[in-house]
Full PDB file with SEQRES, HELIX, SHEET, SSBOND, CRYST1, ORIGX, SCALE, CONECT and MASTER records, all heavy atoms in Angstrom:
SEQRES   1 A   36  PRO GLY ALA SER ALA GLU ALA TRP THR LEU HIS SER ALA          
SEQRES   2 A   36  GLN LYS GLY PRO LEU ARG PHE ASN ARG GLY ASP GLU ILE          
SEQRES   3 A   36  THR VAL GLN LEU ALA ASN GLN LEU PRO VAL                      
CRYST1    1.000    1.000    1.000  90.00  90.00  90.00 P 1           1          
ORIGX1      1.000000  0.000000  0.000000        0.00000                         
ORIGX2      0.000000  1.000000  0.000000        0.00000                         
ORIGX3      0.000000  0.000000  1.000000        0.00000                         
SCALE1      1.000000  0.000000  0.000000        0.00000                         
SCALE2      0.000000  1.000000  0.000000        0.00000                         
SCALE3      0.000000  0.000000  1.000000        0.00000                         
ATOM      1  N   PRO A   1      32.633 -80.066  47.340  1.00  0.00           N  
ATOM      2  CA  PRO A   1      33.651 -79.900  48.383  1.00  0.00           C  
ATOM      3  C   PRO A   1      34.981 -80.522  47.994  1.00  0.00           C  
ATOM      4  O   PRO A   1      35.061 -81.694  47.615  1.00  0.00           O  
ATOM      5  CB  PRO A   1      33.021 -80.616  49.584  1.00  0.00           C  
ATOM      6  CG  PRO A   1      31.549 -80.528  49.349  1.00  0.00           C  
ATOM      7  CD  PRO A   1      31.364 -80.623  47.868  1.00  0.00           C  
ATOM      8  N   GLY A   2      36.022 -79.696  48.009  1.00  0.00           N  
ATOM      9  CA  GLY A   2      37.360 -80.179  47.725  1.00  0.00           C  
ATOM     10  C   GLY A   2      37.694 -80.326  46.262  1.00  0.00           C  
ATOM     11  O   GLY A   2      38.780 -80.812  45.925  1.00  0.00           O  
ATOM     12  N   ALA A   3      36.789 -79.916  45.360  1.00  0.00           N  
ATOM     13  CA  ALA A   3      37.039 -80.066  43.922  1.00  0.00           C  
ATOM     14  C   ALA A   3      36.582 -78.822  43.184  1.00  0.00           C  
ATOM     15  O   ALA A   3      35.574 -78.199  43.535  1.00  0.00           O  
ATOM     16  CB  ALA A   3      36.309 -81.292  43.375  1.00  0.00           C  
ATOM     17  N   SER A   4      37.326 -78.449  42.146  1.00  0.00           N  
ATOM     18  CA  SER A   4      36.966 -77.304  41.313  1.00  0.00           C  
ATOM     19  C   SER A   4      37.091 -77.688  39.845  1.00  0.00           C  
ATOM     20  O   SER A   4      37.714 -78.696  39.495  1.00  0.00           O  
ATOM     21  CB  SER A   4      37.861 -76.097  41.628  1.00  0.00           C  
ATOM     22  OG  SER A   4      39.212 -76.393  41.315  1.00  0.00           O  
ATOM     23  N   ALA A   5      36.478 -76.880  38.985  1.00  0.00           N  
ATOM     24  CA  ALA A   5      36.543 -77.091  37.540  1.00  0.00           C  
ATOM     25  C   ALA A   5      36.575 -75.734  36.872  1.00  0.00           C  
ATOM     26  O   ALA A   5      36.169 -74.726  37.455  1.00  0.00           O  
ATOM     27  CB  ALA A   5      35.358 -77.918  37.053  1.00  0.00           C  
ATOM     28  N   GLU A   6      37.048 -75.708  35.633  1.00  0.00           N  
ATOM     29  CA  GLU A   6      37.143 -74.449  34.906  1.00  0.00           C  
ATOM     30  C   GLU A   6      35.913 -74.215  34.047  1.00  0.00           C  
ATOM     31  O   GLU A   6      35.334 -75.143  33.477  1.00  0.00           O  
ATOM     32  CB  GLU A   6      38.394 -74.430  34.016  1.00  0.00           C  
ATOM     33  CG  GLU A   6      39.667 -74.098  34.754  1.00  0.00           C  
ATOM     34  CD  GLU A   6      40.787 -73.721  33.797  1.00  0.00           C  
ATOM     35  OE1 GLU A   6      40.732 -74.106  32.612  1.00  0.00           O  
ATOM     36  OE2 GLU A   6      41.732 -73.030  34.233  1.00  0.00           O  
ATOM     37  N   ALA A   7      35.517 -72.937  33.961  1.00  0.00           N  
ATOM     38  CA  ALA A   7      34.491 -72.484  33.023  1.00  0.00           C  
ATOM     39  C   ALA A   7      34.932 -71.133  32.491  1.00  0.00           C  
ATOM     40  O   ALA A   7      35.838 -70.488  33.048  1.00  0.00           O  
ATOM     41  CB  ALA A   7      33.133 -72.384  33.712  1.00  0.00           C  
ATOM     42  N   TRP A   8      34.313 -70.689  31.414  1.00  0.00           N  
ATOM     43  CA  TRP A   8      34.617 -69.375  30.859  1.00  0.00           C  
ATOM     44  C   TRP A   8      33.751 -68.339  31.547  1.00  0.00           C  
ATOM     45  O   TRP A   8      32.525 -68.508  31.677  1.00  0.00           O  
ATOM     46  CB  TRP A   8      34.387 -69.378  29.355  1.00  0.00           C  
ATOM     47  CG  TRP A   8      35.426 -70.210  28.644  1.00  0.00           C  
ATOM     48  CD1 TRP A   8      36.621 -70.624  29.147  1.00  0.00           C  
ATOM     49  CD2 TRP A   8      35.351 -70.733  27.313  1.00  0.00           C  
ATOM     50  NE1 TRP A   8      37.308 -71.356  28.225  1.00  0.00           N  
ATOM     51  CE2 TRP A   8      36.567 -71.443  27.085  1.00  0.00           C  
ATOM     52  CE3 TRP A   8      34.395 -70.664  26.304  1.00  0.00           C  
ATOM     53  CZ2 TRP A   8      36.830 -72.087  25.872  1.00  0.00           C  
ATOM     54  CZ3 TRP A   8      34.663 -71.302  25.096  1.00  0.00           C  
ATOM     55  CH2 TRP A   8      35.869 -71.997  24.883  1.00  0.00           C  
ATOM     56  N   THR A   9      34.380 -67.259  31.981  1.00  0.00           N  
ATOM     57  CA  THR A   9      33.742 -66.296  32.873  1.00  0.00           C  
ATOM     58  C   THR A   9      34.023 -64.869  32.418  1.00  0.00           C  
ATOM     59  O   THR A   9      35.069 -64.588  31.840  1.00  0.00           O  
ATOM     60  CB  THR A   9      34.279 -66.483  34.312  1.00  0.00           C  
ATOM     61  OG1 THR A   9      34.108 -67.833  34.708  1.00  0.00           O  
ATOM     62  CG2 THR A   9      33.545 -65.590  35.287  1.00  0.00           C  
ATOM     63  N   LEU A  10      33.081 -63.970  32.687  1.00  0.00           N  
ATOM     64  CA  LEU A  10      33.261 -62.535  32.465  1.00  0.00           C  
ATOM     65  C   LEU A  10      33.730 -61.899  33.762  1.00  0.00           C  
ATOM     66  O   LEU A  10      32.967 -61.795  34.729  1.00  0.00           O  
ATOM     67  CB  LEU A  10      31.949 -61.895  32.003  1.00  0.00           C  
ATOM     68  CG  LEU A  10      31.497 -62.232  30.575  1.00  0.00           C  
ATOM     69  CD1 LEU A  10      30.049 -61.810  30.358  1.00  0.00           C  
ATOM     70  CD2 LEU A  10      32.399 -61.570  29.547  1.00  0.00           C  
ATOM     71  N   HIS A  11      34.981 -61.474  33.798  1.00  0.00           N  
ATOM     72  CA  HIS A  11      35.558 -60.859  34.991  1.00  0.00           C  
ATOM     73  C   HIS A  11      35.425 -59.336  34.909  1.00  0.00           C  
ATOM     74  O   HIS A  11      35.446 -58.747  33.831  1.00  0.00           O  
ATOM     75  CB  HIS A  11      37.041 -61.220  35.116  1.00  0.00           C  
ATOM     76  CG  HIS A  11      37.281 -62.551  35.742  1.00  0.00           C  
ATOM     77  ND1 HIS A  11      37.635 -62.711  37.059  1.00  0.00           N  
ATOM     78  CD2 HIS A  11      37.211 -63.795  35.216  1.00  0.00           C  
ATOM     79  CE1 HIS A  11      37.786 -63.999  37.324  1.00  0.00           C  
ATOM     80  NE2 HIS A  11      37.534 -64.679  36.227  1.00  0.00           N  
ATOM     81  N   SER A  12      35.338 -58.706  36.073  1.00  0.00           N  
ATOM     82  CA  SER A  12      35.354 -57.242  36.174  1.00  0.00           C  
ATOM     83  C   SER A  12      35.879 -56.858  37.549  1.00  0.00           C  
ATOM     84  O   SER A  12      35.929 -57.692  38.463  1.00  0.00           O  
ATOM     85  CB  SER A  12      33.964 -56.646  35.953  1.00  0.00           C  
ATOM     86  OG  SER A  12      33.125 -56.941  37.055  1.00  0.00           O  
ATOM     87  N   ALA A  13      36.233 -55.581  37.706  1.00  0.00           N  
ATOM     88  CA  ALA A  13      36.689 -55.105  39.013  1.00  0.00           C  
ATOM     89  C   ALA A  13      35.555 -55.146  40.029  1.00  0.00           C  
ATOM     90  O   ALA A  13      35.778 -55.346  41.226  1.00  0.00           O  
ATOM     91  CB  ALA A  13      37.243 -53.683  38.882  1.00  0.00           C  
ATOM     92  N   GLN A  14      34.325 -54.938  39.574  1.00  0.00           N  
ATOM     93  CA  GLN A  14      33.157 -55.005  40.449  1.00  0.00           C  
ATOM     94  C   GLN A  14      32.767 -56.456  40.647  1.00  0.00           C  
ATOM     95  O   GLN A  14      32.423 -57.159  39.692  1.00  0.00           O  
ATOM     96  CB  GLN A  14      31.990 -54.216  39.832  1.00  0.00           C  
ATOM     97  CG  GLN A  14      30.749 -54.161  40.723  1.00  0.00           C  
ATOM     98  CD  GLN A  14      29.641 -53.329  40.102  1.00  0.00           C  
ATOM     99  OE1 GLN A  14      29.848 -52.640  39.114  1.00  0.00           O  
ATOM    100  NE2 GLN A  14      28.455 -53.398  40.672  1.00  0.00           N  
ATOM    101  N   LYS A  15      32.819 -56.941  41.861  1.00  0.00           N  
ATOM    102  CA  LYS A  15      32.497 -58.326  42.154  1.00  0.00           C  
ATOM    103  C   LYS A  15      30.986 -58.497  42.340  1.00  0.00           C  
ATOM    104  O   LYS A  15      30.267 -57.556  42.662  1.00  0.00           O  
ATOM    105  CB  LYS A  15      33.242 -58.791  43.405  1.00  0.00           C  
ATOM    106  CG  LYS A  15      34.759 -58.598  43.337  1.00  0.00           C  
ATOM    107  CD  LYS A  15      35.367 -59.313  42.142  1.00  0.00           C  
ATOM    108  CE  LYS A  15      36.869 -59.122  42.082  1.00  0.00           C  
ATOM    109  NZ  LYS A  15      37.469 -59.736  40.874  1.00  0.00           N  
ATOM    110  N   GLY A  16      30.546 -59.719  42.151  1.00  0.00           N  
ATOM    111  CA  GLY A  16      29.131 -59.992  42.340  1.00  0.00           C  
ATOM    112  C   GLY A  16      28.286 -59.353  41.258  1.00  0.00           C  
ATOM    113  O   GLY A  16      28.765 -59.079  40.140  1.00  0.00           O  
ATOM    114  N   PRO A  17      27.012 -59.079  41.534  1.00  0.00           N  
ATOM    115  CA  PRO A  17      26.146 -58.460  40.529  1.00  0.00           C  
ATOM    116  C   PRO A  17      26.667 -57.096  40.094  1.00  0.00           C  
ATOM    117  O   PRO A  17      27.124 -56.297  40.917  1.00  0.00           O  
ATOM    118  CB  PRO A  17      24.800 -58.335  41.261  1.00  0.00           C  
ATOM    119  CG  PRO A  17      24.858 -59.324  42.376  1.00  0.00           C  
ATOM    120  CD  PRO A  17      26.296 -59.385  42.784  1.00  0.00           C  
ATOM    121  N   LEU A  18      26.601 -56.818  38.817  1.00  0.00           N  
ATOM    122  CA  LEU A  18      26.951 -55.491  38.294  1.00  0.00           C  
ATOM    123  C   LEU A  18      25.763 -54.583  38.540  1.00  0.00           C  
ATOM    124  O   LEU A  18      24.639 -54.898  38.139  1.00  0.00           O  
ATOM    125  CB  LEU A  18      27.265 -55.586  36.802  1.00  0.00           C  
ATOM    126  CG  LEU A  18      28.400 -56.559  36.429  1.00  0.00           C  
ATOM    127  CD1 LEU A  18      28.450 -56.756  34.918  1.00  0.00           C  
ATOM    128  CD2 LEU A  18      29.728 -56.050  36.956  1.00  0.00           C  
ATOM    129  N   ARG A  19      25.977 -53.455  39.204  1.00  0.00           N  
ATOM    130  CA  ARG A  19      24.869 -52.574  39.577  1.00  0.00           C  
ATOM    131  C   ARG A  19      25.071 -51.181  38.999  1.00  0.00           C  
ATOM    132  O   ARG A  19      26.138 -50.588  39.149  1.00  0.00           O  
ATOM    133  CB  ARG A  19      24.715 -52.495  41.099  1.00  0.00           C  
ATOM    134  CG  ARG A  19      24.212 -53.792  41.722  1.00  0.00           C  
ATOM    135  CD  ARG A  19      23.972 -53.654  43.224  1.00  0.00           C  
ATOM    136  NE  ARG A  19      23.505 -54.896  43.808  1.00  0.00           N  
ATOM    137  CZ  ARG A  19      22.218 -55.223  43.962  1.00  0.00           C  
ATOM    138  NH1 ARG A  19      21.279 -54.368  43.573  1.00  0.00           N  
ATOM    139  NH2 ARG A  19      21.872 -56.376  44.493  1.00  0.00           N  
ATOM    140  N   PHE A  20      24.005 -50.685  38.358  1.00  0.00           N  
ATOM    141  CA  PHE A  20      23.995 -49.339  37.800  1.00  0.00           C  
ATOM    142  C   PHE A  20      22.646 -48.699  38.101  1.00  0.00           C  
ATOM    143  O   PHE A  20      21.760 -49.329  38.697  1.00  0.00           O  
ATOM    144  CB  PHE A  20      24.250 -49.383  36.286  1.00  0.00           C  
ATOM    145  CG  PHE A  20      25.578 -49.994  35.917  1.00  0.00           C  
ATOM    146  CD1 PHE A  20      25.666 -51.316  35.507  1.00  0.00           C  
ATOM    147  CD2 PHE A  20      26.742 -49.250  36.004  1.00  0.00           C  
ATOM    148  CE1 PHE A  20      26.889 -51.892  35.190  1.00  0.00           C  
ATOM    149  CE2 PHE A  20      27.974 -49.809  35.685  1.00  0.00           C  
ATOM    150  CZ  PHE A  20      28.041 -51.129  35.276  1.00  0.00           C  
ATOM    151  N   ASN A  21      22.501 -47.430  37.707  1.00  0.00           N  
ATOM    152  CA  ASN A  21      21.261 -46.696  37.930  1.00  0.00           C  
ATOM    153  C   ASN A  21      20.559 -46.442  36.607  1.00  0.00           C  
ATOM    154  O   ASN A  21      21.200 -46.299  35.555  1.00  0.00           O  
ATOM    155  CB  ASN A  21      21.546 -45.363  38.621  1.00  0.00           C  
ATOM    156  CG  ASN A  21      22.164 -45.543  39.993  1.00  0.00           C  
ATOM    157  OD1 ASN A  21      21.842 -46.490  40.710  1.00  0.00           O  
ATOM    158  ND2 ASN A  21      23.070 -44.650  40.350  1.00  0.00           N  
ATOM    159  N   ARG A  22      19.259 -46.362  36.689  1.00  0.00           N  
ATOM    160  CA  ARG A  22      18.490 -46.005  35.496  1.00  0.00           C  
ATOM    161  C   ARG A  22      18.945 -44.635  34.999  1.00  0.00           C  
ATOM    162  O   ARG A  22      19.072 -43.684  35.770  1.00  0.00           O  
ATOM    163  CB  ARG A  22      16.996 -45.982  35.816  1.00  0.00           C  
ATOM    164  CG  ARG A  22      16.128 -45.777  34.586  1.00  0.00           C  
ATOM    165  CD  ARG A  22      14.665 -45.722  34.935  1.00  0.00           C  
ATOM    166  NE  ARG A  22      13.859 -45.552  33.728  1.00  0.00           N  
ATOM    167  CZ  ARG A  22      12.584 -45.230  33.716  1.00  0.00           C  
ATOM    168  NH1 ARG A  22      11.943 -45.048  34.866  1.00  0.00           N  
ATOM    169  NH2 ARG A  22      11.931 -45.090  32.575  1.00  0.00           N  
ATOM    170  N   GLY A  23      19.199 -44.544  33.701  1.00  0.00           N  
ATOM    171  CA  GLY A  23      19.685 -43.305  33.106  1.00  0.00           C  
ATOM    172  C   GLY A  23      21.177 -43.295  32.874  1.00  0.00           C  
ATOM    173  O   GLY A  23      21.692 -42.436  32.151  1.00  0.00           O  
ATOM    174  N   ASP A  24      21.907 -44.252  33.459  1.00  0.00           N  
ATOM    175  CA  ASP A  24      23.348 -44.292  33.259  1.00  0.00           C  
ATOM    176  C   ASP A  24      23.702 -44.620  31.807  1.00  0.00           C  
ATOM    177  O   ASP A  24      22.991 -45.385  31.140  1.00  0.00           O  
ATOM    178  CB  ASP A  24      23.988 -45.353  34.165  1.00  0.00           C  
ATOM    179  CG  ASP A  24      24.100 -44.911  35.613  1.00  0.00           C  
ATOM    180  OD1 ASP A  24      23.773 -43.749  35.904  1.00  0.00           O  
ATOM    181  OD2 ASP A  24      24.515 -45.736  36.461  1.00  0.00           O  
ATOM    182  N   GLU A  25      24.803 -44.071  31.365  1.00  0.00           N  
ATOM    183  CA  GLU A  25      25.403 -44.469  30.097  1.00  0.00           C  
ATOM    184  C   GLU A  25      26.699 -45.199  30.416  1.00  0.00           C  
ATOM    185  O   GLU A  25      27.589 -44.648  31.061  1.00  0.00           O  
ATOM    186  CB  GLU A  25      25.690 -43.252  29.217  1.00  0.00           C  
ATOM    187  CG  GLU A  25      26.347 -43.610  27.885  1.00  0.00           C  
ATOM    188  CD  GLU A  25      26.660 -42.385  27.056  1.00  0.00           C  
ATOM    189  OE1 GLU A  25      25.774 -41.924  26.313  1.00  0.00           O  
ATOM    190  OE2 GLU A  25      27.805 -41.891  27.163  1.00  0.00           O  
ATOM    191  N   ILE A  26      26.796 -46.434  29.973  1.00  0.00           N  
ATOM    192  CA  ILE A  26      27.928 -47.281  30.337  1.00  0.00           C  
ATOM    193  C   ILE A  26      28.805 -47.501  29.110  1.00  0.00           C  
ATOM    194  O   ILE A  26      28.327 -47.919  28.052  1.00  0.00           O  
ATOM    195  CB  ILE A  26      27.454 -48.660  30.860  1.00  0.00           C  
ATOM    196  CG1 ILE A  26      26.355 -48.475  31.925  1.00  0.00           C  
ATOM    197  CG2 ILE A  26      28.627 -49.448  31.414  1.00  0.00           C  
ATOM    198  CD1 ILE A  26      26.761 -47.664  33.114  1.00  0.00           C  
ATOM    199  N   THR A  27      30.076 -47.200  29.251  1.00  0.00           N  
ATOM    200  CA  THR A  27      31.058 -47.537  28.230  1.00  0.00           C  
ATOM    201  C   THR A  27      31.620 -48.918  28.562  1.00  0.00           C  
ATOM    202  O   THR A  27      32.293 -49.099  29.576  1.00  0.00           O  
ATOM    203  CB  THR A  27      32.198 -46.511  28.178  1.00  0.00           C  
ATOM    204  OG1 THR A  27      31.649 -45.228  27.854  1.00  0.00           O  
ATOM    205  CG2 THR A  27      33.215 -46.897  27.115  1.00  0.00           C  
ATOM    206  N   VAL A  28      31.288 -49.895  27.711  1.00  0.00           N  
ATOM    207  CA  VAL A  28      31.705 -51.278  27.940  1.00  0.00           C  
ATOM    208  C   VAL A  28      32.960 -51.554  27.130  1.00  0.00           C  
ATOM    209  O   VAL A  28      33.009 -51.279  25.920  1.00  0.00           O  
ATOM    210  CB  VAL A  28      30.592 -52.259  27.540  1.00  0.00           C  
ATOM    211  CG1 VAL A  28      31.043 -53.708  27.785  1.00  0.00           C  
ATOM    212  CG2 VAL A  28      29.320 -51.971  28.322  1.00  0.00           C  
ATOM    213  N   GLN A  29      33.967 -52.079  27.793  1.00  0.00           N  
ATOM    214  CA  GLN A  29      35.191 -52.511  27.128  1.00  0.00           C  
ATOM    215  C   GLN A  29      35.382 -53.992  27.410  1.00  0.00           C  
ATOM    216  O   GLN A  29      35.451 -54.404  28.569  1.00  0.00           O  
ATOM    217  CB  GLN A  29      36.383 -51.699  27.613  1.00  0.00           C  
ATOM    218  CG  GLN A  29      36.266 -50.206  27.316  1.00  0.00           C  
ATOM    219  CD  GLN A  29      37.491 -49.421  27.761  1.00  0.00           C  
ATOM    220  OE1 GLN A  29      38.534 -49.996  28.024  1.00  0.00           O  
ATOM    221  NE2 GLN A  29      37.353 -48.108  27.848  1.00  0.00           N  
ATOM    222  N   LEU A  30      35.442 -54.764  26.338  1.00  0.00           N  
ATOM    223  CA  LEU A  30      35.512 -56.220  26.455  1.00  0.00           C  
ATOM    224  C   LEU A  30      36.832 -56.713  25.878  1.00  0.00           C  
ATOM    225  O   LEU A  30      37.156 -56.437  24.717  1.00  0.00           O  
ATOM    226  CB  LEU A  30      34.343 -56.862  25.710  1.00  0.00           C  
ATOM    227  CG  LEU A  30      34.351 -58.387  25.596  1.00  0.00           C  
ATOM    228  CD1 LEU A  30      34.231 -59.034  26.967  1.00  0.00           C  
ATOM    229  CD2 LEU A  30      33.210 -58.858  24.689  1.00  0.00           C  
ATOM    230  N   ALA A  31      37.605 -57.436  26.680  1.00  0.00           N  
ATOM    231  CA  ALA A  31      38.859 -58.049  26.235  1.00  0.00           C  
ATOM    232  C   ALA A  31      38.667 -59.561  26.217  1.00  0.00           C  
ATOM    233  O   ALA A  31      38.318 -60.166  27.243  1.00  0.00           O  
ATOM    234  CB  ALA A  31      40.002 -57.672  27.166  1.00  0.00           C  
ATOM    235  N   ASN A  32      38.862 -60.165  25.066  1.00  0.00           N  
ATOM    236  CA  ASN A  32      38.679 -61.607  24.919  1.00  0.00           C  
ATOM    237  C   ASN A  32      40.003 -62.327  25.137  1.00  0.00           C  
ATOM    238  O   ASN A  32      40.889 -62.322  24.280  1.00  0.00           O  
ATOM    239  CB  ASN A  32      38.126 -61.937  23.537  1.00  0.00           C  
ATOM    240  CG  ASN A  32      37.867 -63.435  23.371  1.00  0.00           C  
ATOM    241  OD1 ASN A  32      37.915 -64.199  24.336  1.00  0.00           O  
ATOM    242  ND2 ASN A  32      37.598 -63.845  22.149  1.00  0.00           N  
ATOM    243  N   GLN A  33      40.145 -62.949  26.293  1.00  0.00           N  
ATOM    244  CA  GLN A  33      41.348 -63.701  26.630  1.00  0.00           C  
ATOM    245  C   GLN A  33      41.138 -65.206  26.476  1.00  0.00           C  
ATOM    246  O   GLN A  33      41.910 -66.005  26.996  1.00  0.00           O  
ATOM    247  CB  GLN A  33      41.798 -63.360  28.055  1.00  0.00           C  
ATOM    248  CG  GLN A  33      42.109 -61.878  28.251  1.00  0.00           C  
ATOM    249  CD  GLN A  33      42.429 -61.524  29.697  1.00  0.00           C  
ATOM    250  OE1 GLN A  33      42.708 -62.389  30.522  1.00  0.00           O  
ATOM    251  NE2 GLN A  33      42.388 -60.236  30.008  1.00  0.00           N  
ATOM    252  N   LEU A  34      40.096 -65.569  25.731  1.00  0.00           N  
ATOM    253  CA  LEU A  34      39.803 -66.976  25.471  1.00  0.00           C  
ATOM    254  C   LEU A  34      40.392 -67.399  24.123  1.00  0.00           C  
ATOM    255  O   LEU A  34      40.691 -66.541  23.277  1.00  0.00           O  
ATOM    256  CB  LEU A  34      38.290 -67.207  25.485  1.00  0.00           C  
ATOM    257  CG  LEU A  34      37.586 -66.938  26.817  1.00  0.00           C  
ATOM    258  CD1 LEU A  34      36.076 -67.064  26.660  1.00  0.00           C  
ATOM    259  CD2 LEU A  34      38.080 -67.896  27.889  1.00  0.00           C  
ATOM    260  N   PRO A  35      40.509 -68.690  23.871  1.00  0.00           N  
ATOM    261  CA  PRO A  35      41.094 -69.154  22.608  1.00  0.00           C  
ATOM    262  C   PRO A  35      40.109 -69.181  21.441  1.00  0.00           C  
ATOM    263  O   PRO A  35      40.472 -69.638  20.349  1.00  0.00           O  
ATOM    264  CB  PRO A  35      41.567 -70.571  22.954  1.00  0.00           C  
ATOM    265  CG  PRO A  35      40.631 -71.027  24.032  1.00  0.00           C  
ATOM    266  CD  PRO A  35      40.314 -69.794  24.841  1.00  0.00           C  
ATOM    267  N   VAL A  36      38.871 -68.704  21.651  1.00  0.00           N  
ATOM    268  CA  VAL A  36      37.843 -68.746  20.606  1.00  0.00           C  
ATOM    269  C   VAL A  36      37.142 -67.391  20.529  1.00  0.00           C  
ATOM    270  O   VAL A  36      37.168 -66.612  21.490  1.00  0.00           O  
ATOM    271  CB  VAL A  36      36.801 -69.846  20.899  1.00  0.00           C  
ATOM    272  CG1 VAL A  36      37.446 -71.228  20.895  1.00  0.00           C  
ATOM    273  CG2 VAL A  36      36.095 -69.589  22.231  1.00  0.00           C  
TER     274      VAL A  36                                                      
MASTER        0    0    0    0    0    0    0    6  273    1    0    3          
END                                                                             
């Protein structure tokens, strides 16, 4: 409560759990905005 800290995170437009259907083909695009 009242305090936060930073961690490295995978962001996406879809919030929460990423949900897809069996049989889907997903094109993943990953942009690395970290210093490593």
